[in-house]
Amino acid sequence: MNTNDILKTVVKAADSKMAEEIIVLNMEGISLIADYFLICHGNSEKQVQAIAREIKDEANKIGSLVNKMEGFEEAKWVLIDMGNIIAHVFHRDERSYYNLERLWGDAPIEDILGELNRDV
């Protein structure tokens, strides 16, 4: 699987659990950590956990290695490290506080949701 296929899979996984305001930042040439950041949020701790679990499960199903998942128990900010892709699943309140979109404002936003709608 290439990175774009994995990205589509994890975005679909987040969307299937009703994640809100899903965005993908293209971090190539900006961050040495990963090529893409997936950022989304849920409205409760249970929803945040469901989104994170689904992303991890779907990534594993397609053979993508999930290196680490942090913050799952607290469900305020769950980070899922899949190598070239890092998913940040926030609780709604935490997302606005940390505002990664502003922090990484120089990173272009990928139109992955538009691409997924064409795949359906």
Protein backbone atom coordinates (compact mmCIF):
# COMPACT_ATOMS: atom_id res chain seq x y z
CA MET A 1 0.00 0.00 0.00
CA ASN A 2 1.23 3.45 -0.79
CA THR A 3 0.89 6.42 1.56
CA ASN A 4 -2.06 7.89 -0.37
CA ASP A 5 -4.04 4.62 -0.09
CA ILE A 6 -3.34 4.43 3.64
CA LEU A 7 -4.36 8.07 4.00
CA LYS A 8 -7.67 7.43 2.24
CA THR A 9 -8.31 4.40 4.45
CA VAL A 10 -7.72 6.22 7.72
CA VAL A 11 -9.77 9.25 6.62
CA LYS A 12 -12.65 6.92 5.73
CA ALA A 13 -12.26 5.24 9.12
CA ALA A 14 -12.49 8.58 10.94
CA ASP A 15 -15.45 9.63 8.82
CA SER A 16 -17.25 6.34 9.53
CA LYS A 17 -17.23 7.22 13.24
CA MET A 18 -18.60 10.70 12.56
CA ALA A 19 -15.34 12.55 13.20
CA GLU A 20 -15.83 16.26 12.72
CA GLU A 21 -13.82 18.79 10.72
CA ILE A 22 -11.48 16.21 9.20
CA ILE A 23 -8.50 17.84 7.57
CA VAL A 24 -5.24 16.51 6.19
CA LEU A 25 -2.14 18.68 6.22
CA ASN A 26 0.61 17.91 3.73
CA MET A 27 3.74 18.07 5.88
CA GLU A 28 6.24 17.09 3.18
CA GLY A 29 9.19 19.46 3.35
CA ILE A 30 7.78 21.10 6.49
CA SER A 31 8.16 18.43 9.16
CA LEU A 32 10.65 15.60 9.53
CA ILE A 33 8.13 13.70 11.67
CA ALA A 34 5.63 12.67 8.98
CA ASP A 35 4.42 13.43 5.45
CA TYR A 36 0.78 13.94 6.49
CA PHE A 37 -1.14 14.95 9.58
CA LEU A 38 -4.77 13.89 9.83
CA ILE A 39 -6.60 16.13 12.28
CA CYS A 40 -10.18 15.63 13.45
CA HIS A 41 -12.27 15.70 16.59
CA GLY A 42 -15.08 14.02 18.43
CA ASN A 43 -17.61 15.51 20.82
CA SER A 44 -17.12 13.10 23.74
CA GLU A 45 -14.41 10.89 25.18
CA LYS A 46 -16.24 7.79 23.92
CA GLN A 47 -16.44 9.18 20.38
CA VAL A 48 -12.75 10.14 20.42
CA GLN A 49 -11.89 6.57 21.47
CA ALA A 50 -14.17 5.09 18.81
CA ILE A 51 -12.55 7.23 16.09
CA ALA A 52 -9.03 6.36 17.25
CA ARG A 53 -9.82 2.65 17.53
CA GLU A 54 -11.35 2.60 14.05
CA ILE A 55 -8.34 4.35 12.52
CA LYS A 56 -5.99 1.87 14.18
CA ASP A 57 -8.09 -1.16 13.24
CA GLU A 58 -8.50 -0.12 9.60
CA ALA A 59 -4.80 0.70 9.25
CA ASN A 60 -3.94 -2.73 10.64
CA LYS A 61 -6.41 -4.43 8.26
CA ILE A 62 -4.58 -3.06 5.23
CA GLY A 63 -1.18 -3.97 6.64
CA SER A 64 -0.11 -0.50 7.72
CA LEU A 65 2.07 -0.57 10.79
CA VAL A 66 0.74 1.46 13.71
CA ASN A 67 3.93 2.36 15.56
CA LYS A 68 2.29 3.91 18.58
CA MET A 69 -0.99 5.20 19.94
CA GLU A 70 -0.89 7.66 22.83
CA GLY A 71 -3.60 9.35 24.88
CA PHE A 72 -6.31 6.74 24.27
CA GLU A 73 -7.39 6.34 27.90
CA GLU A 74 -7.74 10.07 28.56
CA ALA A 75 -9.37 10.64 25.13
CA LYS A 76 -8.52 14.32 25.03
CA TRP A 77 -5.85 14.11 22.31
CA VAL A 78 -5.11 10.71 20.81
CA LEU A 79 -2.05 10.51 18.61
CA ILE A 80 -1.76 7.57 16.23
CA ASP A 81 1.67 7.19 14.63
CA MET A 82 1.59 5.28 11.35
CA GLY A 83 5.00 6.36 10.11
CA ASN A 84 4.39 8.72 7.18
CA ILE A 85 0.96 9.59 8.58
CA ILE A 86 0.18 10.82 12.06
CA ALA A 87 -3.47 11.05 13.09
CA HIS A 88 -4.46 13.55 15.78
CA VAL A 89 -7.91 12.77 17.18
CA PHE A 90 -8.97 15.49 19.58
CA HIS A 91 -11.83 16.07 21.93
CA ARG A 92 -13.59 19.18 20.59
CA ASP A 93 -12.41 21.42 23.45
CA GLU A 94 -8.79 20.30 23.19
CA ARG A 95 -8.68 20.83 19.44
CA SER A 96 -9.52 24.50 19.71
CA TYR A 97 -6.99 24.91 22.53
CA TYR A 98 -4.04 23.34 20.68
CA ASN A 99 -5.09 24.57 17.23
CA LEU A 100 -2.59 22.53 15.20
CA GLU A 101 -4.01 23.99 12.00
CA ARG A 102 -2.70 27.41 13.04
CA LEU A 103 0.56 26.03 14.41
CA TRP A 104 1.26 24.33 11.06
CA GLY A 105 -0.40 27.09 9.02
CA ASP A 106 2.23 26.91 6.30
CA ALA A 107 1.26 23.31 5.49
CA PRO A 108 -1.09 22.93 2.51
CA ILE A 109 -4.45 21.26 3.17
CA GLU A 110 -5.11 18.17 1.05
CA ASP A 111 -8.58 17.78 -0.47
CA ILE A 112 -8.84 14.17 0.63
CA LEU A 113 -12.56 14.36 1.46
CA GLY A 114 -13.38 15.57 -2.05
CA GLU A 115 -11.31 12.72 -3.44
CA LEU A 116 -13.15 10.21 -1.23
CA ASN A 117 -16.54 11.49 -2.38
CA ARG A 118 -15.52 10.77 -5.97
CA ASP A 119 -14.49 7.22 -4.98
CA VAL A 120 -18.00 6.39 -3.68
